[in-house]
Amino acid sequence: MKSSNEDNVRDQVRKGLSQLYEYLYLQNKPKATLVLVLEKPINATNKWMIDYLENDRDVLLVWDGSDKLYSTSETKAKLEFLKTIAVH
């Protein structure tokens, strides 16, 4: 999970993505499902990152908001065991 706001979301996504790849390597789990959780939703300026993460990098994206977890419908379908995820 990475803290985020409108000013730092791009940097935090970069840090989170590199951490996920590092953990994948260090734990020797090449088939693990990668999930990046952000504190806030990605802002309009950086919406392209959702497609980049989910479709290009195959990283699921979840964000927090008002004591609920949010995601795209694609991520929710892949994380169906998390019934509390709302589609944004």
PDB file of N, CA and C in Angstrom:
ATOM      1  N   MET A   1       0.851  -1.171   0.000  1.00  0.00           N
ATOM      2  CA  MET A   1       0.000   0.000   0.000  1.00  0.00           C
ATOM      3  C   MET A   1       0.891   1.227   0.000  1.00  0.00           C
ATOM      4  N   LYS A   2       0.518   2.203  -0.813  1.00  0.00           N
ATOM      5  CA  LYS A   2       1.259   3.445  -0.906  1.00  0.00           C
ATOM      6  C   LYS A   2       0.327   4.613  -0.575  1.00  0.00           C
ATOM      7  N   SER A   3       0.816   5.526   0.246  1.00  0.00           N
ATOM      8  CA  SER A   3       0.073   6.762   0.469  1.00  0.00           C
ATOM      9  C   SER A   3       0.118   7.550  -0.837  1.00  0.00           C
ATOM     10  N   SER A   4      -0.917   8.316  -1.091  1.00  0.00           N
ATOM     11  CA  SER A   4      -0.939   9.082  -2.343  1.00  0.00           C
ATOM     12  C   SER A   4      -1.853  10.285  -2.223  1.00  0.00           C
ATOM     13  N   ASN A   5      -1.551  11.270  -3.057  1.00  0.00           N
ATOM     14  CA  ASN A   5      -2.421  12.437  -3.217  1.00  0.00           C
ATOM     15  C   ASN A   5      -2.237  12.921  -4.655  1.00  0.00           C
ATOM     16  N   GLU A   6      -2.923  13.975  -5.036  1.00  0.00           N
ATOM     17  CA  GLU A   6      -2.858  14.450  -6.424  1.00  0.00           C
ATOM     18  C   GLU A   6      -1.443  14.855  -6.837  1.00  0.00           C
ATOM     19  N   ASP A   7      -0.641  15.291  -5.879  1.00  0.00           N
ATOM     20  CA  ASP A   7       0.701  15.770  -6.206  1.00  0.00           C
ATOM     21  C   ASP A   7       1.755  14.670  -6.310  1.00  0.00           C
ATOM     22  N   ASN A   8       1.529  13.533  -5.660  1.00  0.00           N
ATOM     23  CA  ASN A   8       2.580  12.523  -5.640  1.00  0.00           C
ATOM     24  C   ASN A   8       2.179  11.166  -6.224  1.00  0.00           C
ATOM     25  N   VAL A   9       0.997  11.060  -6.797  1.00  0.00           N
ATOM     26  CA  VAL A   9       0.500   9.752  -7.229  1.00  0.00           C
ATOM     27  C   VAL A   9       1.429   9.074  -8.240  1.00  0.00           C
ATOM     28  N   ARG A  10       1.969   9.826  -9.152  1.00  0.00           N
ATOM     29  CA  ARG A  10       2.846   9.223 -10.164  1.00  0.00           C
ATOM     30  C   ARG A  10       4.105   8.637  -9.518  1.00  0.00           C
ATOM     31  N   ASP A  11       4.715   9.383  -8.628  1.00  0.00           N
ATOM     32  CA  ASP A  11       5.897   8.883  -7.923  1.00  0.00           C
ATOM     33  C   ASP A  11       5.561   7.674  -7.054  1.00  0.00           C
ATOM     34  N   GLN A  12       4.425   7.713  -6.389  1.00  0.00           N
ATOM     35  CA  GLN A  12       4.040   6.610  -5.513  1.00  0.00           C
ATOM     36  C   GLN A  12       3.721   5.341  -6.310  1.00  0.00           C
ATOM     37  N   VAL A  13       3.099   5.496  -7.469  1.00  0.00           N
ATOM     38  CA  VAL A  13       2.842   4.333  -8.319  1.00  0.00           C
ATOM     39  C   VAL A  13       4.170   3.730  -8.773  1.00  0.00           C
ATOM     40  N   ARG A  14       5.105   4.562  -9.154  1.00  0.00           N
ATOM     41  CA  ARG A  14       6.429   4.066  -9.561  1.00  0.00           C
ATOM     42  C   ARG A  14       7.098   3.295  -8.420  1.00  0.00           C
ATOM     43  N   LYS A  15       7.072   3.866  -7.226  1.00  0.00           N
ATOM     44  CA  LYS A  15       7.674   3.204  -6.074  1.00  0.00           C
ATOM     45  C   LYS A  15       6.964   1.888  -5.772  1.00  0.00           C
ATOM     46  N   GLY A  16       5.653   1.920  -5.801  1.00  0.00           N
ATOM     47  CA  GLY A  16       4.882   0.712  -5.517  1.00  0.00           C
ATOM     48  C   GLY A  16       5.126  -0.377  -6.539  1.00  0.00           C
ATOM     49  N   LEU A  17       5.187  -0.011  -7.805  1.00  0.00           N
ATOM     50  CA  LEU A  17       5.431  -0.983  -8.867  1.00  0.00           C
ATOM     51  C   LEU A  17       6.811  -1.613  -8.710  1.00  0.00           C
ATOM     52  N   SER A  18       7.811  -0.801  -8.436  1.00  0.00           N
ATOM     53  CA  SER A  18       9.157  -1.359  -8.263  1.00  0.00           C
ATOM     54  C   SER A  18       9.218  -2.247  -7.023  1.00  0.00           C
ATOM     55  N   GLN A  19       8.508  -1.894  -5.958  1.00  0.00           N
ATOM     56  CA  GLN A  19       8.466  -2.746  -4.769  1.00  0.00           C
ATOM     57  C   GLN A  19       7.825  -4.095  -5.089  1.00  0.00           C
ATOM     58  N   LEU A  20       6.732  -4.073  -5.846  1.00  0.00           N
ATOM     59  CA  LEU A  20       6.065  -5.328  -6.197  1.00  0.00           C
ATOM     60  C   LEU A  20       6.981  -6.244  -6.991  1.00  0.00           C
ATOM     61  N   TYR A  21       7.694  -5.688  -7.971  1.00  0.00           N
ATOM     62  CA  TYR A  21       8.628  -6.508  -8.750  1.00  0.00           C
ATOM     63  C   TYR A  21       9.782  -7.023  -7.888  1.00  0.00           C
ATOM     64  N   GLU A  22      10.241  -6.205  -6.957  1.00  0.00           N
ATOM     65  CA  GLU A  22      11.307  -6.640  -6.057  1.00  0.00           C
ATOM     66  C   GLU A  22      10.828  -7.805  -5.189  1.00  0.00           C
ATOM     67  N   TYR A  23       9.633  -7.680  -4.605  1.00  0.00           N
ATOM     68  CA  TYR A  23       9.090  -8.751  -3.774  1.00  0.00           C
ATOM     69  C   TYR A  23       8.895 -10.026  -4.589  1.00  0.00           C
ATOM     70  N   LEU A  24       8.414  -9.875  -5.807  1.00  0.00           N
ATOM     71  CA  LEU A  24       8.205 -11.014  -6.696  1.00  0.00           C
ATOM     72  C   LEU A  24       9.513 -11.774  -6.895  1.00  0.00           C
ATOM     73  N   TYR A  25      10.569 -11.046  -7.129  1.00  0.00           N
ATOM     74  CA  TYR A  25      11.886 -11.651  -7.337  1.00  0.00           C
ATOM     75  C   TYR A  25      12.433 -12.267  -6.052  1.00  0.00           C
ATOM     76  N   LEU A  26      12.441 -11.489  -4.978  1.00  0.00           N
ATOM     77  CA  LEU A  26      13.042 -11.952  -3.733  1.00  0.00           C
ATOM     78  C   LEU A  26      12.320 -13.162  -3.141  1.00  0.00           C
ATOM     79  N   GLN A  27      11.010 -13.209  -3.317  1.00  0.00           N
ATOM     80  CA  GLN A  27      10.239 -14.324  -2.777  1.00  0.00           C
ATOM     81  C   GLN A  27      10.113 -15.479  -3.769  1.00  0.00           C
ATOM     82  N   ASN A  28      10.689 -15.304  -4.952  1.00  0.00           N
ATOM     83  CA  ASN A  28      10.683 -16.340  -5.979  1.00  0.00           C
ATOM     84  C   ASN A  28       9.269 -16.865  -6.248  1.00  0.00           C
ATOM     85  N   LYS A  29       8.361 -15.936  -6.514  1.00  0.00           N
ATOM     86  CA  LYS A  29       6.958 -16.265  -6.794  1.00  0.00           C
ATOM     87  C   LYS A  29       6.573 -15.708  -8.165  1.00  0.00           C
ATOM     88  N   PRO A  30       7.129 -16.255  -9.240  1.00  0.00           N
ATOM     89  CA  PRO A  30       6.911 -15.681 -10.568  1.00  0.00           C
ATOM     90  C   PRO A  30       5.453 -15.672 -11.033  1.00  0.00           C
ATOM     91  N   LYS A  31       4.603 -16.469 -10.436  1.00  0.00           N
ATOM     92  CA  LYS A  31       3.196 -16.521 -10.856  1.00  0.00           C
ATOM     93  C   LYS A  31       2.269 -15.787  -9.887  1.00  0.00           C
ATOM     94  N   ALA A  32       2.830 -15.048  -8.954  1.00  0.00           N
ATOM     95  CA  ALA A  32       2.023 -14.324  -7.973  1.00  0.00           C
ATOM     96  C   ALA A  32       1.187 -13.239  -8.648  1.00  0.00           C
ATOM     97  N   THR A  33       0.034 -12.978  -8.093  1.00  0.00           N
ATOM     98  CA  THR A  33      -0.813 -11.872  -8.545  1.00  0.00           C
ATOM     99  C   THR A  33      -0.351 -10.613  -7.838  1.00  0.00           C
ATOM    100  N   LEU A  34      -0.003  -9.597  -8.613  1.00  0.00           N
ATOM    101  CA  LEU A  34       0.473  -8.336  -8.049  1.00  0.00           C
ATOM    102  C   LEU A  34      -0.702  -7.379  -7.874  1.00  0.00           C
ATOM    103  N   VAL A  35      -0.808  -6.791  -6.692  1.00  0.00           N
ATOM    104  CA  VAL A  35      -1.877  -5.840  -6.382  1.00  0.00           C
ATOM    105  C   VAL A  35      -1.241  -4.608  -5.767  1.00  0.00           C
ATOM    106  N   LEU A  36      -1.512  -3.458  -6.363  1.00  0.00           N
ATOM    107  CA  LEU A  36      -1.048  -2.179  -5.824  1.00  0.00           C
ATOM    108  C   LEU A  36      -2.240  -1.481  -5.194  1.00  0.00           C
ATOM    109  N   VAL A  37      -2.112  -1.129  -3.920  1.00  0.00           N
ATOM    110  CA  VAL A  37      -3.176  -0.430  -3.199  1.00  0.00           C
ATOM    111  C   VAL A  37      -2.715   0.996  -2.943  1.00  0.00           C
ATOM    112  N   LEU A  38      -3.535   1.933  -3.372  1.00  0.00           N
ATOM    113  CA  LEU A  38      -3.241   3.358  -3.171  1.00  0.00           C
ATOM    114  C   LEU A  38      -4.200   3.950  -2.148  1.00  0.00           C
ATOM    115  N   GLU A  39      -3.758   4.998  -1.505  1.00  0.00           N
ATOM    116  CA  GLU A  39      -4.582   5.688  -0.514  1.00  0.00           C
ATOM    117  C   GLU A  39      -5.747   6.431  -1.173  1.00  0.00           C
ATOM    118  N   LYS A  40      -5.506   6.995  -2.329  1.00  0.00           N
ATOM    119  CA  LYS A  40      -6.503   7.811  -3.039  1.00  0.00           C
ATOM    120  C   LYS A  40      -6.631   7.310  -4.477  1.00  0.00           C
ATOM    121  N   PRO A  41      -7.753   7.631  -5.135  1.00  0.00           N
ATOM    122  CA  PRO A  41      -7.869   7.249  -6.551  1.00  0.00           C
ATOM    123  C   PRO A  41      -6.887   8.032  -7.416  1.00  0.00           C
ATOM    124  N   ILE A  42      -6.553   7.474  -8.541  1.00  0.00           N
ATOM    125  CA  ILE A  42      -5.682   8.163  -9.501  1.00  0.00           C
ATOM    126  C   ILE A  42      -6.462   9.322 -10.118  1.00  0.00           C
ATOM    127  N   ASN A  43      -5.847  10.493 -10.144  1.00  0.00           N
ATOM    128  CA  ASN A  43      -6.530  11.685 -10.648  1.00  0.00           C
ATOM    129  C   ASN A  43      -6.660  11.662 -12.176  1.00  0.00           C
ATOM    130  N   ALA A  44      -7.458  12.567 -12.696  1.00  0.00           N
ATOM    131  CA  ALA A  44      -7.763  12.606 -14.138  1.00  0.00           C
ATOM    132  C   ALA A  44      -6.511  12.753 -14.996  1.00  0.00           C
ATOM    133  N   THR A  45      -5.551  13.531 -14.544  1.00  0.00           N
ATOM    134  CA  THR A  45      -4.315  13.737 -15.301  1.00  0.00           C
ATOM    135  C   THR A  45      -3.551  12.435 -15.493  1.00  0.00           C
ATOM    136  N   ASN A  46      -3.639  11.550 -14.530  1.00  0.00           N
ATOM    137  CA  ASN A  46      -2.863  10.311 -14.550  1.00  0.00           C
ATOM    138  C   ASN A  46      -3.714   9.059 -14.794  1.00  0.00           C
ATOM    139  N   LYS A  47      -4.913   9.223 -15.330  1.00  0.00           N
ATOM    140  CA  LYS A  47      -5.801   8.071 -15.580  1.00  0.00           C
ATOM    141  C   LYS A  47      -5.148   7.024 -16.468  1.00  0.00           C
ATOM    142  N   TRP A  48      -4.217   7.416 -17.319  1.00  0.00           N
ATOM    143  CA  TRP A  48      -3.539   6.472 -18.198  1.00  0.00           C
ATOM    144  C   TRP A  48      -2.831   5.385 -17.401  1.00  0.00           C
ATOM    145  N   MET A  49      -2.466   5.689 -16.149  1.00  0.00           N
ATOM    146  CA  MET A  49      -1.755   4.717 -15.329  1.00  0.00           C
ATOM    147  C   MET A  49      -2.598   3.496 -15.006  1.00  0.00           C
ATOM    148  N   ILE A  50      -3.906   3.655 -14.982  1.00  0.00           N
ATOM    149  CA  ILE A  50      -4.785   2.511 -14.723  1.00  0.00           C
ATOM    150  C   ILE A  50      -4.622   1.485 -15.839  1.00  0.00           C
ATOM    151  N   ASP A  51      -4.696   1.923 -17.080  1.00  0.00           N
ATOM    152  CA  ASP A  51      -4.509   1.018 -18.217  1.00  0.00           C
ATOM    153  C   ASP A  51      -3.100   0.448 -18.217  1.00  0.00           C
ATOM    154  N   TYR A  52      -2.123   1.281 -17.953  1.00  0.00           N
ATOM    155  CA  TYR A  52      -0.734   0.836 -17.911  1.00  0.00           C
ATOM    156  C   TYR A  52      -0.544  -0.274 -16.877  1.00  0.00           C
ATOM    157  N   LEU A  53      -1.039  -0.048 -15.672  1.00  0.00           N
ATOM    158  CA  LEU A  53      -0.852  -1.036 -14.610  1.00  0.00           C
ATOM    159  C   LEU A  53      -1.624  -2.323 -14.894  1.00  0.00           C
ATOM    160  N   GLU A  54      -2.914  -2.173 -15.212  1.00  0.00           N
ATOM    161  CA  GLU A  54      -3.764  -3.353 -15.332  1.00  0.00           C
ATOM    162  C   GLU A  54      -3.558  -4.120 -16.632  1.00  0.00           C
ATOM    163  N   ASN A  55      -3.356  -3.446 -17.712  1.00  0.00           N
ATOM    164  CA  ASN A  55      -3.279  -4.133 -19.003  1.00  0.00           C
ATOM    165  C   ASN A  55      -1.853  -4.365 -19.487  1.00  0.00           C
ATOM    166  N   ASP A  56      -0.975  -3.410 -19.287  1.00  0.00           N
ATOM    167  CA  ASP A  56       0.394  -3.570 -19.760  1.00  0.00           C
ATOM    168  C   ASP A  56       1.266  -4.328 -18.756  1.00  0.00           C
ATOM    169  N   ARG A  57       1.117  -4.019 -17.471  1.00  0.00           N
ATOM    170  CA  ARG A  57       1.947  -4.628 -16.432  1.00  0.00           C
ATOM    171  C   ARG A  57       1.257  -5.787 -15.710  1.00  0.00           C
ATOM    172  N   ASP A  58      -0.033  -5.986 -15.936  1.00  0.00           N
ATOM    173  CA  ASP A  58      -0.812  -7.043 -15.277  1.00  0.00           C
ATOM    174  C   ASP A  58      -0.762  -6.910 -13.757  1.00  0.00           C
ATOM    175  N   VAL A  59      -0.875  -5.664 -13.284  1.00  0.00           N
ATOM    176  CA  VAL A  59      -0.919  -5.352 -11.858  1.00  0.00           C
ATOM    177  C   VAL A  59      -2.325  -4.865 -11.546  1.00  0.00           C
ATOM    178  N   LEU A  60      -2.950  -5.477 -10.558  1.00  0.00           N
ATOM    179  CA  LEU A  60      -4.291  -5.065 -10.154  1.00  0.00           C
ATOM    180  C   LEU A  60      -4.188  -3.812  -9.301  1.00  0.00           C
ATOM    181  N   LEU A  61      -5.117  -2.890  -9.485  1.00  0.00           N
ATOM    182  CA  LEU A  61      -5.092  -1.611  -8.784  1.00  0.00           C
ATOM    183  C   LEU A  61      -6.324  -1.480  -7.907  1.00  0.00           C
ATOM    184  N   VAL A  62      -6.080  -1.159  -6.639  1.00  0.00           N
ATOM    185  CA  VAL A  62      -7.145  -0.953  -5.660  1.00  0.00           C
ATOM    186  C   VAL A  62      -6.826   0.346  -4.936  1.00  0.00           C
ATOM    187  N   TRP A  63      -7.871   1.109  -4.583  1.00  0.00           N
ATOM    188  CA  TRP A  63      -7.632   2.321  -3.790  1.00  0.00           C
ATOM    189  C   TRP A  63      -8.663   2.416  -2.690  1.00  0.00           C
ATOM    190  N   ASP A  64      -8.278   3.148  -1.665  1.00  0.00           N
ATOM    191  CA  ASP A  64      -9.075   3.319  -0.461  1.00  0.00           C
ATOM    192  C   ASP A  64      -9.954   4.549  -0.610  1.00  0.00           C
ATOM    193  N   GLY A  65     -11.053   4.545   0.078  1.00  0.00           N
ATOM    194  CA  GLY A  65     -11.905   5.728   0.084  1.00  0.00           C
ATOM    195  C   GLY A  65     -13.103   5.536   0.979  1.00  0.00           C
ATOM    196  N   SER A  66     -13.269   6.373   1.976  1.00  0.00           N
ATOM    197  CA  SER A  66     -14.421   6.347   2.869  1.00  0.00           C
ATOM    198  C   SER A  66     -14.656   4.963   3.469  1.00  0.00           C
ATOM    199  N   ASP A  67     -13.602   4.362   3.964  1.00  0.00           N
ATOM    200  CA  ASP A  67     -13.674   3.041   4.597  1.00  0.00           C
ATOM    201  C   ASP A  67     -14.147   1.931   3.662  1.00  0.00           C
ATOM    202  N   LYS A  68     -13.947   2.111   2.367  1.00  0.00           N
ATOM    203  CA  LYS A  68     -14.249   1.085   1.380  1.00  0.00           C
ATOM    204  C   LYS A  68     -13.050   0.953   0.461  1.00  0.00           C
ATOM    205  N   LEU A  69     -12.934  -0.179  -0.185  1.00  0.00           N
ATOM    206  CA  LEU A  69     -11.920  -0.365  -1.217  1.00  0.00           C
ATOM    207  C   LEU A  69     -12.592  -0.233  -2.572  1.00  0.00           C
ATOM    208  N   TYR A  70     -11.912   0.413  -3.511  1.00  0.00           N
ATOM    209  CA  TYR A  70     -12.438   0.626  -4.850  1.00  0.00           C
ATOM    210  C   TYR A  70     -11.478   0.052  -5.880  1.00  0.00           C
ATOM    211  N   SER A  71     -12.022  -0.296  -7.034  1.00  0.00           N
ATOM    212  CA  SER A  71     -11.196  -0.798  -8.134  1.00  0.00           C
ATOM    213  C   SER A  71     -11.981  -0.651  -9.425  1.00  0.00           C
ATOM    214  N   THR A  72     -11.330  -1.008 -10.510  1.00  0.00           N
ATOM    215  CA  THR A  72     -12.047  -1.103 -11.780  1.00  0.00           C
ATOM    216  C   THR A  72     -12.825  -2.415 -11.781  1.00  0.00           C
ATOM    217  N   SER A  73     -13.741  -2.558 -12.697  1.00  0.00           N
ATOM    218  CA  SER A  73     -14.514  -3.798 -12.771  1.00  0.00           C
ATOM    219  C   SER A  73     -13.628  -4.988 -13.119  1.00  0.00           C
ATOM    220  N   GLU A  74     -12.585  -4.754 -13.900  1.00  0.00           N
ATOM    221  CA  GLU A  74     -11.662  -5.834 -14.270  1.00  0.00           C
ATOM    222  C   GLU A  74     -10.921  -6.368 -13.038  1.00  0.00           C
ATOM    223  N   THR A  75     -10.433  -5.461 -12.213  1.00  0.00           N
ATOM    224  CA  THR A  75      -9.747  -5.889 -10.997  1.00  0.00           C
ATOM    225  C   THR A  75     -10.708  -6.566 -10.044  1.00  0.00           C
ATOM    226  N   LYS A  76     -11.897  -6.023  -9.890  1.00  0.00           N
ATOM    227  CA  LYS A  76     -12.875  -6.635  -8.983  1.00  0.00           C
ATOM    228  C   LYS A  76     -13.172  -8.067  -9.409  1.00  0.00           C
ATOM    229  N   ALA A  77     -13.293  -8.312 -10.697  1.00  0.00           N
ATOM    230  CA  ALA A  77     -13.567  -9.662 -11.188  1.00  0.00           C
ATOM    231  C   ALA A  77     -12.422 -10.615 -10.827  1.00  0.00           C
ATOM    232  N   LYS A  78     -11.199 -10.123 -10.865  1.00  0.00           N
ATOM    233  CA  LYS A  78     -10.041 -10.966 -10.549  1.00  0.00           C
ATOM    234  C   LYS A  78      -9.849 -11.149  -9.049  1.00  0.00           C
ATOM    235  N   LEU A  79     -10.420 -10.251  -8.251  1.00  0.00           N
ATOM    236  CA  LEU A  79     -10.322 -10.329  -6.790  1.00  0.00           C
ATOM    237  C   LEU A  79     -11.697 -10.579  -6.187  1.00  0.00           C
ATOM    238  N   GLU A  80     -12.442 -11.456  -6.788  1.00  0.00           N
ATOM    239  CA  GLU A  80     -13.828 -11.667  -6.370  1.00  0.00           C
ATOM    240  C   GLU A  80     -13.961 -12.126  -4.922  1.00  0.00           C
ATOM    241  N   PHE A  81     -12.886 -12.662  -4.349  1.00  0.00           N
ATOM    242  CA  PHE A  81     -12.934 -13.071  -2.948  1.00  0.00           C
ATOM    243  C   PHE A  81     -13.037 -11.876  -2.013  1.00  0.00           C
ATOM    244  N   LEU A  82     -12.699 -10.683  -2.507  1.00  0.00           N
ATOM    245  CA  LEU A  82     -12.849  -9.461  -1.716  1.00  0.00           C
ATOM    246  C   LEU A  82     -14.202  -8.832  -2.019  1.00  0.00           C
ATOM    247  N   LYS A  83     -15.217  -9.264  -1.365  1.00  0.00           N
ATOM    248  CA  LYS A  83     -16.581  -8.805  -1.651  1.00  0.00           C
ATOM    249  C   LYS A  83     -16.788  -7.332  -1.336  1.00  0.00           C
ATOM    250  N   THR A  84     -15.912  -6.739  -0.564  1.00  0.00           N
ATOM    251  CA  THR A  84     -16.108  -5.350  -0.154  1.00  0.00           C
ATOM    252  C   THR A  84     -15.634  -4.341  -1.185  1.00  0.00           C
ATOM    253  N   ILE A  85     -15.039  -4.808  -2.268  1.00  0.00           N
ATOM    254  CA  ILE A  85     -14.535  -3.872  -3.271  1.00  0.00           C
ATOM    255  C   ILE A  85     -15.700  -3.297  -4.080  1.00  0.00           C
ATOM    256  N   ALA A  86     -15.761  -1.988  -4.170  1.00  0.00           N
ATOM    257  CA  ALA A  86     -16.757  -1.306  -4.984  1.00  0.00           C
ATOM    258  C   ALA A  86     -16.138  -0.902  -6.298  1.00  0.00           C
ATOM    259  N   VAL A  87     -16.936  -0.909  -7.352  1.00  0.00           N
ATOM    260  CA  VAL A  87     -16.431  -0.513  -8.672  1.00  0.00           C
ATOM    261  C   VAL A  87     -16.552   0.982  -8.796  1.00  0.00           C
ATOM    262  N   HIS A  88     -15.481   1.600  -9.275  1.00  0.00           N
ATOM    263  CA  HIS A  88     -15.463   3.052  -9.465  1.00  0.00           C
ATOM    264  C   HIS A  88     -15.476   3.362 -10.931  1.00  0.00           C
TER     265      HIS A  88
END
